[in-house]
N, C-alpha and C. Protein backbone atom coordinates (compact mmCIF):
# COMPACT_ATOMS: atom_id res chain seq x y z
N UNK A 1 -30.60 -31.47 1.93
CA UNK A 1 -29.30 -30.94 1.56
C UNK A 1 -28.21 -31.81 2.19
N UNK A 2 -27.22 -32.19 1.42
CA UNK A 2 -26.12 -33.02 1.91
C UNK A 2 -25.12 -32.17 2.68
N UNK A 3 -24.64 -32.71 3.78
CA UNK A 3 -23.66 -32.02 4.60
C UNK A 3 -22.33 -31.94 3.83
N UNK A 4 -21.76 -30.74 3.76
CA UNK A 4 -20.54 -30.53 2.98
C UNK A 4 -19.30 -31.10 3.66
N UNK A 5 -19.24 -30.97 4.98
CA UNK A 5 -18.08 -31.45 5.73
C UNK A 5 -18.49 -31.68 7.17
N UNK A 6 -17.71 -32.47 7.88
CA UNK A 6 -18.00 -32.79 9.26
C UNK A 6 -17.15 -32.00 10.25
N UNK A 7 -15.95 -31.63 9.82
CA UNK A 7 -15.03 -30.92 10.71
C UNK A 7 -14.38 -29.75 9.96
N UNK A 8 -14.15 -28.69 10.70
CA UNK A 8 -13.36 -27.57 10.22
C UNK A 8 -12.08 -27.58 11.06
N UNK A 9 -10.94 -27.64 10.38
CA UNK A 9 -9.67 -27.73 11.07
C UNK A 9 -8.88 -26.45 10.79
N UNK A 10 -8.43 -25.83 11.86
CA UNK A 10 -7.54 -24.67 11.78
C UNK A 10 -6.19 -25.15 12.29
N UNK A 11 -5.16 -25.00 11.47
CA UNK A 11 -3.83 -25.45 11.88
C UNK A 11 -2.83 -24.34 11.66
N UNK A 12 -2.06 -24.06 12.69
CA UNK A 12 -0.97 -23.09 12.60
C UNK A 12 0.29 -23.92 12.41
N UNK A 13 0.88 -23.81 11.23
CA UNK A 13 1.97 -24.68 10.82
C UNK A 13 3.26 -23.86 10.68
N UNK A 14 4.35 -24.37 11.24
CA UNK A 14 5.65 -23.71 11.08
C UNK A 14 5.98 -23.64 9.59
N UNK A 15 6.50 -22.50 9.18
CA UNK A 15 6.81 -22.28 7.76
C UNK A 15 7.73 -23.36 7.18
N UNK A 16 8.57 -23.94 8.01
CA UNK A 16 9.51 -24.96 7.49
C UNK A 16 8.79 -26.23 7.05
N UNK A 17 7.53 -26.41 7.44
CA UNK A 17 6.76 -27.61 7.07
C UNK A 17 5.64 -27.35 6.07
N UNK A 18 5.29 -26.09 5.84
CA UNK A 18 4.04 -25.79 5.13
C UNK A 18 4.03 -26.33 3.70
N UNK A 19 5.12 -26.23 2.97
CA UNK A 19 5.15 -26.69 1.58
C UNK A 19 4.84 -28.18 1.46
N UNK A 20 5.55 -29.00 2.23
CA UNK A 20 5.33 -30.45 2.20
C UNK A 20 3.93 -30.80 2.69
N UNK A 21 3.47 -30.10 3.72
CA UNK A 21 2.14 -30.37 4.29
C UNK A 21 1.04 -30.12 3.26
N UNK A 22 1.07 -28.96 2.62
CA UNK A 22 0.05 -28.63 1.62
C UNK A 22 0.14 -29.59 0.43
N UNK A 23 1.34 -29.91 -0.01
CA UNK A 23 1.50 -30.85 -1.12
C UNK A 23 0.85 -32.19 -0.80
N UNK A 24 1.06 -32.70 0.41
CA UNK A 24 0.48 -33.99 0.79
C UNK A 24 -1.04 -33.92 0.90
N UNK A 25 -1.55 -32.79 1.40
CA UNK A 25 -3.01 -32.63 1.47
C UNK A 25 -3.62 -32.68 0.07
N UNK A 26 -3.02 -31.95 -0.85
CA UNK A 26 -3.55 -31.90 -2.21
C UNK A 26 -3.45 -33.26 -2.89
N UNK A 27 -2.37 -34.00 -2.65
CA UNK A 27 -2.24 -35.35 -3.20
C UNK A 27 -3.34 -36.27 -2.66
N UNK A 28 -3.77 -36.02 -1.41
CA UNK A 28 -4.81 -36.83 -0.78
C UNK A 28 -6.21 -36.31 -1.13
N UNK A 29 -6.28 -35.31 -2.01
CA UNK A 29 -7.54 -34.70 -2.42
C UNK A 29 -8.28 -34.06 -1.24
N UNK A 30 -7.50 -33.44 -0.35
CA UNK A 30 -8.04 -32.68 0.77
C UNK A 30 -7.79 -31.21 0.47
N UNK A 31 -8.86 -30.44 0.37
CA UNK A 31 -8.73 -29.01 0.04
C UNK A 31 -8.21 -28.24 1.24
N UNK A 32 -7.43 -27.22 0.95
CA UNK A 32 -6.82 -26.41 2.01
C UNK A 32 -6.77 -24.96 1.55
N UNK A 33 -6.95 -24.05 2.49
CA UNK A 33 -6.80 -22.62 2.23
C UNK A 33 -5.73 -22.09 3.16
N UNK A 34 -4.73 -21.43 2.60
CA UNK A 34 -3.65 -20.84 3.40
C UNK A 34 -3.97 -19.38 3.68
N UNK A 35 -3.64 -18.95 4.90
CA UNK A 35 -3.82 -17.55 5.28
C UNK A 35 -2.53 -17.06 5.94
N UNK A 36 -2.11 -15.88 5.58
CA UNK A 36 -0.95 -15.29 6.25
C UNK A 36 -1.32 -15.04 7.71
N UNK A 37 -0.39 -15.33 8.61
CA UNK A 37 -0.68 -15.12 10.02
C UNK A 37 0.59 -14.75 10.75
N UNK A 38 0.42 -14.19 11.92
CA UNK A 38 1.55 -13.88 12.78
C UNK A 38 1.08 -14.03 14.22
N UNK A 39 2.00 -14.18 15.10
CA UNK A 39 1.65 -14.35 16.50
C UNK A 39 2.66 -15.23 17.20
N UNK A 40 2.36 -15.56 18.43
CA UNK A 40 3.33 -16.24 19.27
C UNK A 40 3.16 -17.73 19.46
N UNK A 41 2.23 -18.37 18.76
CA UNK A 41 2.01 -19.80 18.98
C UNK A 41 3.29 -20.62 18.82
N UNK A 42 4.02 -20.41 17.73
CA UNK A 42 5.17 -21.25 17.43
C UNK A 42 6.50 -20.55 17.65
N UNK A 43 6.48 -19.29 17.97
CA UNK A 43 7.71 -18.53 18.20
C UNK A 43 8.62 -18.52 16.98
N UNK A 44 8.04 -18.64 15.79
CA UNK A 44 8.77 -18.59 14.53
C UNK A 44 7.78 -18.28 13.42
N UNK A 45 8.26 -18.14 12.19
CA UNK A 45 7.36 -17.89 11.06
C UNK A 45 6.35 -19.03 10.92
N UNK A 46 5.11 -18.67 10.62
CA UNK A 46 4.08 -19.69 10.49
C UNK A 46 3.04 -19.30 9.47
N UNK A 47 2.26 -20.29 9.08
CA UNK A 47 1.13 -20.10 8.17
C UNK A 47 -0.07 -20.79 8.79
N UNK A 48 -1.22 -20.15 8.74
CA UNK A 48 -2.45 -20.77 9.22
C UNK A 48 -3.19 -21.34 8.03
N UNK A 49 -3.65 -22.58 8.18
CA UNK A 49 -4.44 -23.21 7.13
C UNK A 49 -5.81 -23.55 7.66
N UNK A 50 -6.79 -23.48 6.78
CA UNK A 50 -8.16 -23.88 7.08
C UNK A 50 -8.48 -25.07 6.19
N UNK A 51 -8.95 -26.14 6.82
CA UNK A 51 -9.19 -27.39 6.11
C UNK A 51 -10.57 -27.90 6.49
N UNK A 52 -11.41 -28.16 5.52
CA UNK A 52 -12.71 -28.78 5.77
C UNK A 52 -12.65 -30.24 5.36
N UNK A 53 -13.01 -31.14 6.28
CA UNK A 53 -12.92 -32.57 5.98
C UNK A 53 -14.17 -33.30 6.44
N UNK A 54 -14.44 -34.41 5.76
CA UNK A 54 -15.44 -35.36 6.22
C UNK A 54 -14.79 -36.23 7.28
N UNK A 55 -15.61 -36.96 8.04
CA UNK A 55 -15.06 -37.81 9.09
C UNK A 55 -14.04 -38.81 8.55
N UNK A 56 -14.30 -39.37 7.37
CA UNK A 56 -13.38 -40.37 6.83
C UNK A 56 -12.05 -39.75 6.38
N UNK A 57 -12.02 -38.44 6.10
CA UNK A 57 -10.77 -37.77 5.72
C UNK A 57 -9.97 -37.32 6.94
N UNK A 58 -10.64 -37.21 8.09
CA UNK A 58 -9.98 -36.69 9.28
C UNK A 58 -8.82 -37.58 9.73
N UNK A 59 -9.01 -38.89 9.66
CA UNK A 59 -7.93 -39.80 10.01
C UNK A 59 -6.74 -39.64 9.09
N UNK A 60 -7.00 -39.48 7.81
CA UNK A 60 -5.92 -39.27 6.84
C UNK A 60 -5.19 -37.96 7.10
N UNK A 61 -5.94 -36.92 7.47
CA UNK A 61 -5.34 -35.63 7.80
C UNK A 61 -4.39 -35.79 8.99
N UNK A 62 -4.81 -36.51 10.02
CA UNK A 62 -3.96 -36.71 11.19
C UNK A 62 -2.69 -37.49 10.82
N UNK A 63 -2.82 -38.48 9.93
CA UNK A 63 -1.65 -39.23 9.48
C UNK A 63 -0.67 -38.32 8.74
N UNK A 64 -1.19 -37.44 7.89
CA UNK A 64 -0.33 -36.51 7.16
C UNK A 64 0.38 -35.57 8.13
N UNK A 65 -0.34 -35.04 9.12
CA UNK A 65 0.29 -34.18 10.12
C UNK A 65 1.42 -34.91 10.83
N UNK A 66 1.17 -36.14 11.22
CA UNK A 66 2.21 -36.91 11.93
C UNK A 66 3.41 -37.17 11.04
N UNK A 67 3.16 -37.55 9.81
CA UNK A 67 4.25 -37.89 8.88
C UNK A 67 5.10 -36.67 8.54
N UNK A 68 4.44 -35.56 8.23
CA UNK A 68 5.18 -34.37 7.76
C UNK A 68 5.78 -33.58 8.92
N UNK A 69 5.06 -33.48 10.02
CA UNK A 69 5.48 -32.59 11.11
C UNK A 69 5.90 -33.36 12.35
N UNK A 70 5.09 -34.31 12.76
CA UNK A 70 5.32 -35.00 14.04
C UNK A 70 6.62 -35.76 14.11
N UNK A 71 7.05 -36.33 13.03
CA UNK A 71 8.29 -37.10 13.03
C UNK A 71 9.54 -36.22 13.04
N UNK A 72 9.37 -34.90 12.90
CA UNK A 72 10.51 -34.00 12.77
C UNK A 72 10.58 -32.96 13.89
N UNK A 73 9.82 -33.16 14.96
CA UNK A 73 9.84 -32.21 16.06
C UNK A 73 10.08 -32.94 17.37
N UNK A 74 10.57 -32.21 18.35
CA UNK A 74 10.81 -32.74 19.68
C UNK A 74 9.54 -32.55 20.50
N UNK A 75 8.89 -33.65 20.94
CA UNK A 75 7.63 -33.51 21.67
C UNK A 75 7.78 -32.78 22.99
N UNK A 76 8.99 -32.68 23.52
CA UNK A 76 9.22 -31.98 24.78
C UNK A 76 9.43 -30.47 24.58
N UNK A 77 9.60 -30.06 23.34
CA UNK A 77 9.91 -28.67 23.04
C UNK A 77 8.66 -27.81 23.01
N UNK A 78 8.81 -26.58 23.47
CA UNK A 78 7.72 -25.60 23.37
C UNK A 78 7.51 -25.20 21.92
N UNK A 79 8.56 -25.34 21.11
CA UNK A 79 8.54 -24.94 19.71
C UNK A 79 8.11 -26.12 18.84
N UNK A 80 6.89 -26.52 18.98
CA UNK A 80 6.39 -27.62 18.15
C UNK A 80 6.23 -27.15 16.72
N UNK A 81 5.91 -28.07 15.82
CA UNK A 81 5.78 -27.71 14.42
C UNK A 81 4.40 -27.27 14.02
N UNK A 82 3.41 -27.50 14.90
CA UNK A 82 2.03 -27.13 14.55
C UNK A 82 1.15 -27.10 15.80
N UNK A 83 0.14 -26.27 15.72
CA UNK A 83 -0.97 -26.28 16.68
C UNK A 83 -2.22 -26.48 15.84
N UNK A 84 -3.02 -27.49 16.20
CA UNK A 84 -4.16 -27.88 15.39
C UNK A 84 -5.43 -27.85 16.22
N UNK A 85 -6.47 -27.24 15.66
CA UNK A 85 -7.77 -27.12 16.32
C UNK A 85 -8.83 -27.68 15.38
N UNK A 86 -9.54 -28.71 15.82
CA UNK A 86 -10.59 -29.32 14.99
C UNK A 86 -11.94 -29.05 15.64
N UNK A 87 -12.88 -28.58 14.84
CA UNK A 87 -14.21 -28.23 15.32
C UNK A 87 -15.24 -29.06 14.58
N UNK A 88 -16.08 -29.78 15.33
CA UNK A 88 -17.18 -30.51 14.70
C UNK A 88 -18.21 -29.51 14.20
N UNK A 89 -18.65 -29.69 12.98
CA UNK A 89 -19.62 -28.76 12.38
C UNK A 89 -21.04 -29.30 12.51
N UNK A 90 -21.93 -28.42 12.86
CA UNK A 90 -23.35 -28.77 12.88
C UNK A 90 -23.93 -28.57 11.50
N UNK A 91 -23.48 -27.50 10.84
CA UNK A 91 -24.02 -27.16 9.53
C UNK A 91 -22.99 -26.41 8.72
N UNK A 92 -22.91 -26.69 7.45
CA UNK A 92 -22.05 -25.93 6.54
C UNK A 92 -22.82 -25.64 5.27
N UNK A 93 -22.62 -24.48 4.73
CA UNK A 93 -23.33 -24.08 3.51
C UNK A 93 -22.35 -23.70 2.42
N UNK A 94 -22.71 -24.00 1.20
CA UNK A 94 -21.94 -23.53 0.06
C UNK A 94 -22.85 -22.60 -0.72
N UNK A 95 -22.45 -21.35 -0.85
CA UNK A 95 -23.32 -20.36 -1.50
C UNK A 95 -22.66 -19.89 -2.80
């Protein structure tokens, strides 16, 4: 059985960036699932996305994050534009 993906990425994205971020992911042929979320990570409205990527797509994902979000936030601020968690997968199944 072929491995479906190498990493599962959970990203909490500030609402002000989510539209452009998802658009760029889809243009890059990276699938994304949006989930409504709330909490204190960003101290503002946010959306959590789940993204499954192969190793070769992970670099592109990081470039998109930097381009859409990183260039528009103050790195010294507690109110960043995203919190991103990447998990290496041992196994993934499609049922």
